[in-house]
PDB file of N, CA and C in Angstrom:
ATOM      1  N   LEU A   1     -18.259  -3.886  16.541  1.00  0.00           N
ATOM      2  CA  LEU A   1     -17.852  -5.193  17.275  1.00  0.00           C
ATOM      3  C   LEU A   1     -18.434  -5.232  18.617  1.00  0.00           C
ATOM      4  N   TRP A   2     -17.879  -4.103  19.437  1.00  0.00           N
ATOM      5  CA  TRP A   2     -18.614  -4.209  21.038  1.00  0.00           C
ATOM      6  C   TRP A   2     -20.223  -4.143  20.885  1.00  0.00           C
ATOM      7  N   THR A   3     -20.679  -3.167  20.267  1.00  0.00           N
ATOM      8  CA  THR A   3     -21.822  -3.152  20.361  1.00  0.00           C
ATOM      9  C   THR A   3     -22.757  -4.261  19.882  1.00  0.00           C
ATOM     10  N   TYR A   4     -22.369  -5.226  19.146  1.00  0.00           N
ATOM     11  CA  TYR A   4     -23.270  -6.526  19.060  1.00  0.00           C
ATOM     12  C   TYR A   4     -22.353  -7.774  19.559  1.00  0.00           C
ATOM     13  N   PRO A   5     -22.403  -8.170  20.773  1.00  0.00           N
ATOM     14  CA  PRO A   5     -21.107  -9.011  21.072  1.00  0.00           C
ATOM     15  C   PRO A   5     -21.800 -10.506  20.452  1.00  0.00           C
ATOM     16  N   GLN A   6     -22.482 -10.611  20.086  1.00  0.00           N
ATOM     17  CA  GLN A   6     -23.109 -11.957  19.411  1.00  0.00           C
ATOM     18  C   GLN A   6     -21.919 -12.034  17.741  1.00  0.00           C
ATOM     19  N   VAL A   7     -21.496 -11.176  17.348  1.00  0.00           N
ATOM     20  CA  VAL A   7     -20.530 -10.943  16.159  1.00  0.00           C
ATOM     21  C   VAL A   7     -19.311 -11.639  16.806  1.00  0.00           C
ATOM     22  N   ARG A   8     -18.919 -11.573  17.969  1.00  0.00           N
ATOM     23  CA  ARG A   8     -17.573 -12.047  18.534  1.00  0.00           C
ATOM     24  C   ARG A   8     -17.689 -13.642  18.169  1.00  0.00           C
ATOM     25  N   LEU A   9     -18.788 -14.063  18.262  1.00  0.00           N
ATOM     26  CA  LEU A   9     -18.842 -15.926  18.079  1.00  0.00           C
ATOM     27  C   LEU A   9     -18.693 -15.939  16.705  1.00  0.00           C
ATOM     28  N   LEU A  10     -19.241 -15.371  15.744  1.00  0.00           N
ATOM     29  CA  LEU A  10     -19.142 -15.647  14.438  1.00  0.00           C
ATOM     30  C   LEU A  10     -17.289 -15.323  13.900  1.00  0.00           C
ATOM     31  N   MET A  11     -17.007 -14.196  14.356  1.00  0.00           N
ATOM     32  CA  MET A  11     -15.372 -13.842  14.285  1.00  0.00           C
ATOM     33  C   MET A  11     -14.445 -14.845  14.340  1.00  0.00           C
ATOM     34  N   HIS A  12     -14.827 -15.768  15.227  1.00  0.00           N
ATOM     35  CA  HIS A  12     -13.809 -17.215  15.315  1.00  0.00           C
ATOM     36  C   HIS A  12     -14.450 -18.308  15.266  1.00  0.00           C
ATOM     37  N   SER A  13     -15.384 -18.108  14.178  1.00  0.00           N
ATOM     38  CA  SER A  13     -15.955 -19.510  13.901  1.00  0.00           C
ATOM     39  C   SER A  13     -15.248 -20.280  12.930  1.00  0.00           C
ATOM     40  N   PRO A  14     -15.054 -21.380  12.636  1.00  0.00           N
ATOM     41  CA  PRO A  14     -14.173 -22.119  11.408  1.00  0.00           C
ATOM     42  C   PRO A  14     -14.587 -21.639  10.201  1.00  0.00           C
ATOM     43  N   SER A  15     -15.575 -21.156   9.891  1.00  0.00           N
ATOM     44  CA  SER A  15     -15.756 -20.496   8.394  1.00  0.00           C
ATOM     45  C   SER A  15     -15.108 -19.511   7.879  1.00  0.00           C
ATOM     46  N   ILE A  16     -15.376 -18.697   9.125  1.00  0.00           N
ATOM     47  CA  ILE A  16     -14.061 -17.340   8.922  1.00  0.00           C
ATOM     48  C   ILE A  16     -12.972 -17.468   9.167  1.00  0.00           C
ATOM     49  N   GLU A  17     -12.427 -18.556   9.971  1.00  0.00           N
ATOM     50  CA  GLU A  17     -10.730 -18.942  10.026  1.00  0.00           C
ATOM     51  C   GLU A  17     -10.551 -19.166   8.630  1.00  0.00           C
ATOM     52  N   LEU A  18     -11.490 -20.298   7.899  1.00  0.00           N
ATOM     53  CA  LEU A  18     -11.095 -20.579   6.520  1.00  0.00           C
ATOM     54  C   LEU A  18     -11.064 -20.013   5.501  1.00  0.00           C
ATOM     55  N   LEU A  19     -11.988 -18.672   5.625  1.00  0.00           N
ATOM     56  CA  LEU A  19     -11.857 -17.780   4.869  1.00  0.00           C
ATOM     57  C   LEU A  19     -10.606 -16.822   4.996  1.00  0.00           C
ATOM     58  N   ARG A  20      -9.837 -16.678   6.257  1.00  0.00           N
ATOM     59  CA  ARG A  20      -9.002 -15.719   6.404  1.00  0.00           C
ATOM     60  C   ARG A  20      -7.837 -16.590   5.711  1.00  0.00           C
ATOM     61  N   LEU A  21      -7.547 -17.861   6.065  1.00  0.00           N
ATOM     62  CA  LEU A  21      -6.524 -18.847   5.538  1.00  0.00           C
ATOM     63  C   LEU A  21      -6.664 -18.798   4.108  1.00  0.00           C
ATOM     64  N   VAL A  22      -7.575 -18.755   3.206  1.00  0.00           N
ATOM     65  CA  VAL A  22      -7.516 -18.867   1.794  1.00  0.00           C
ATOM     66  C   VAL A  22      -7.127 -17.625   1.719  1.00  0.00           C
ATOM     67  N   GLN A  23      -7.560 -16.220   1.934  1.00  0.00           N
ATOM     68  CA  GLN A  23      -7.292 -14.994   1.734  1.00  0.00           C
ATOM     69  C   GLN A  23      -5.562 -14.791   1.966  1.00  0.00           C
ATOM     70  N   ARG A  24      -5.064 -15.596   2.920  1.00  0.00           N
ATOM     71  CA  ARG A  24      -3.533 -15.256   2.985  1.00  0.00           C
ATOM     72  C   ARG A  24      -2.922 -16.188   2.264  1.00  0.00           C
ATOM     73  N   ALA A  25      -3.297 -17.159   1.881  1.00  0.00           N
ATOM     74  CA  ALA A  25      -2.602 -17.909   0.393  1.00  0.00           C
ATOM     75  C   ALA A  25      -3.070 -17.417  -0.824  1.00  0.00           C
ATOM     76  N   PHE A  26      -3.990 -16.993  -1.124  1.00  0.00           N
ATOM     77  CA  PHE A  26      -4.374 -16.707  -2.385  1.00  0.00           C
ATOM     78  C   PHE A  26      -4.758 -15.024  -2.527  1.00  0.00           C
ATOM     79  N   PRO A  27      -3.905 -14.080  -2.217  1.00  0.00           N
ATOM     80  CA  PRO A  27      -4.606 -12.503  -2.174  1.00  0.00           C
ATOM     81  C   PRO A  27      -5.151 -12.295  -3.491  1.00  0.00           C
ATOM     82  N   VAL A  28      -6.385 -11.935  -3.658  1.00  0.00           N
ATOM     83  CA  VAL A  28      -6.969 -11.386  -4.737  1.00  0.00           C
ATOM     84  C   VAL A  28      -6.681  -9.604  -5.029  1.00  0.00           C
ATOM     85  N   VAL A  29      -7.047  -9.098  -3.958  1.00  0.00           N
ATOM     86  CA  VAL A  29      -6.646  -7.863  -4.203  1.00  0.00           C
ATOM     87  C   VAL A  29      -5.013  -7.499  -3.850  1.00  0.00           C
ATOM     88  N   LYS A  30      -4.636  -6.951  -4.867  1.00  0.00           N
ATOM     89  CA  LYS A  30      -3.229  -6.541  -4.450  1.00  0.00           C
ATOM     90  C   LYS A  30      -2.961  -5.054  -4.486  1.00  0.00           C
ATOM     91  N   TYR A  31      -2.955  -4.259  -3.576  1.00  0.00           N
ATOM     92  CA  TYR A  31      -2.746  -2.880  -3.529  1.00  0.00           C
ATOM     93  C   TYR A  31      -1.525  -2.359  -4.075  1.00  0.00           C
ATOM     94  N   PRO A  32      -1.675  -1.219  -4.977  1.00  0.00           N
ATOM     95  CA  PRO A  32      -0.453  -0.813  -5.532  1.00  0.00           C
ATOM     96  C   PRO A  32       0.648  -0.071  -4.791  1.00  0.00           C
ATOM     97  N   GLY A  33       0.027   0.224  -3.355  1.00  0.00           N
ATOM     98  CA  GLY A  33       0.999   1.183  -2.854  1.00  0.00           C
ATOM     99  C   GLY A  33       0.517   2.807  -3.055  1.00  0.00           C
ATOM    100  N   VAL A  34       1.278   3.701  -2.401  1.00  0.00           N
ATOM    101  CA  VAL A  34       0.751   4.825  -2.530  1.00  0.00           C
ATOM    102  C   VAL A  34       1.261   5.634  -3.560  1.00  0.00           C
ATOM    103  N   GLN A  35       0.527   6.343  -4.464  1.00  0.00           N
ATOM    104  CA  GLN A  35       1.088   7.080  -6.021  1.00  0.00           C
ATOM    105  C   GLN A  35       0.515   8.381  -5.807  1.00  0.00           C
ATOM    106  N   ASP A  36       1.499   9.152  -5.827  1.00  0.00           N
ATOM    107  CA  ASP A  36       1.172  10.794  -6.022  1.00  0.00           C
ATOM    108  C   ASP A  36       0.621  11.453  -7.348  1.00  0.00           C
ATOM    109  N   SER A  37      -0.462  11.497  -7.262  1.00  0.00           N
ATOM    110  CA  SER A  37      -1.390  11.920  -8.334  1.00  0.00           C
ATOM    111  C   SER A  37      -1.096  13.272  -9.057  1.00  0.00           C
ATOM    112  N   TYR A  38      -0.311  14.428  -8.135  1.00  0.00           N
ATOM    113  CA  TYR A  38       0.232  15.387  -8.741  1.00  0.00           C
ATOM    114  C   TYR A  38       1.538  15.687  -7.795  1.00  0.00           C
ATOM    115  N   PRO A  39       2.600  15.105  -8.433  1.00  0.00           N
ATOM    116  CA  PRO A  39       4.020  15.325  -7.851  1.00  0.00           C
ATOM    117  C   PRO A  39       4.342  16.794  -8.021  1.00  0.00           C
ATOM    118  N   LEU A  40       4.797  17.316  -7.212  1.00  0.00           N
ATOM    119  CA  LEU A  40       5.841  18.683  -7.250  1.00  0.00           C
ATOM    120  C   LEU A  40       6.815  18.971  -7.824  1.00  0.00           C
ATOM    121  N   MET A  41       7.609  17.533  -8.167  1.00  0.00           N
ATOM    122  CA  MET A  41       8.881  17.753  -8.849  1.00  0.00           C
ATOM    123  C   MET A  41       8.860  16.646 -10.233  1.00  0.00           C
ATOM    124  N   ARG A  42       9.565  17.133 -11.141  1.00  0.00           N
ATOM    125  CA  ARG A  42       9.369  16.220 -12.617  1.00  0.00           C
ATOM    126  C   ARG A  42      10.820  15.673 -12.461  1.00  0.00           C
ATOM    127  N   ALA A  43      10.699  14.620 -12.976  1.00  0.00           N
ATOM    128  CA  ALA A  43      12.115  13.778 -13.623  1.00  0.00           C
ATOM    129  C   ALA A  43      12.734  14.773 -14.367  1.00  0.00           C
ATOM    130  N   LEU A  44      14.111  14.898 -14.070  1.00  0.00           N
ATOM    131  CA  LEU A  44      14.944  15.681 -15.156  1.00  0.00           C
ATOM    132  C   LEU A  44      14.849  14.749 -16.656  1.00  0.00           C
ATOM    133  N   THR A  45      14.935  16.021 -17.636  1.00  0.00           N
ATOM    134  CA  THR A  45      14.575  15.266 -19.055  1.00  0.00           C
ATOM    135  C   THR A  45      16.412  15.578 -19.528  1.00  0.00           C
ATOM    136  N   THR A  46      16.845  16.445 -19.279  1.00  0.00           N
ATOM    137  CA  THR A  46      18.194  16.485 -19.828  1.00  0.00           C
ATOM    138  C   THR A  46      19.136  16.917 -18.254  1.00  0.00           C
ATOM    139  N   PRO A  47      20.661  16.207 -18.582  1.00  0.00           N
ATOM    140  CA  PRO A  47      21.320  16.006 -17.639  1.00  0.00           C
ATOM    141  C   PRO A  47      21.893  17.940 -17.217  1.00  0.00           C
ATOM    142  N   ALA A  48      21.701  18.339 -16.103  1.00  0.00           N
ATOM    143  CA  ALA A  48      22.214  19.369 -15.767  1.00  0.00           C
ATOM    144  C   ALA A  48      23.577  19.686 -15.761  1.00  0.00           C
ATOM    145  N   PRO A  49      24.194  20.708 -16.353  1.00  0.00           N
ATOM    146  CA  PRO A  49      25.653  20.906 -16.703  1.00  0.00           C
ATOM    147  C   PRO A  49      26.614  20.938 -15.308  1.00  0.00           C
ATOM    148  N   ILE A  50      27.381  20.406 -15.275  1.00  0.00           N
ATOM    149  CA  ILE A  50      28.141  20.165 -13.756  1.00  0.00           C
ATOM    150  C   ILE A  50      29.361  21.355 -13.796  1.00  0.00           C
ATOM    151  N   SER A  51      29.115  22.030 -12.769  1.00  0.00           N
ATOM    152  CA  SER A  51      30.090  23.649 -12.450  1.00  0.00           C
ATOM    153  C   SER A  51      31.139  22.991 -11.894  1.00  0.00           C
ATOM    154  N   SER A  52      32.302  23.567 -12.337  1.00  0.00           N
ATOM    155  CA  SER A  52      33.751  23.491 -11.416  1.00  0.00           C
ATOM    156  C   SER A  52      33.430  24.156 -10.172  1.00  0.00           C
ATOM    157  N   GLY A  53      32.902  24.976 -10.117  1.00  0.00           N
ATOM    158  CA  GLY A  53      32.783  25.751  -8.866  1.00  0.00           C
ATOM    159  C   GLY A  53      34.105  27.126  -8.748  1.00  0.00           C
ATOM    160  N   LEU A  54      34.614  26.980  -9.818  1.00  0.00           N
ATOM    161  CA  LEU A  54      35.296  28.067 -10.098  1.00  0.00           C
ATOM    162  C   LEU A  54      34.653  29.369 -10.859  1.00  0.00           C
ATOM    163  N   SER A  55      34.836  30.368 -10.561  1.00  0.00           N
ATOM    164  CA  SER A  55      34.480  31.687 -11.286  1.00  0.00           C
ATOM    165  C   SER A  55      34.867  32.447 -12.268  1.00  0.00           C
ATOM    166  N   GLU A  56      34.818  32.693 -13.387  1.00  0.00           N
ATOM    167  CA  GLU A  56      35.640  33.246 -14.192  1.00  0.00           C
ATOM    168  C   GLU A  56      35.522  34.759 -14.388  1.00  0.00           C
TER     169      GLU A  56
END
């Protein structure tokens, strides 16, 4: 942006402001967030036995 000062005029033009307003009002792209493709842990399939803490 600072390399081309002429762009500064375009960034605050009414057409760009209108595009920003429409983008905020009607978001086209919704990002799903962060998803781990290779998690290091897995969900439990069977519940773990509950130990009483007493050894027999």
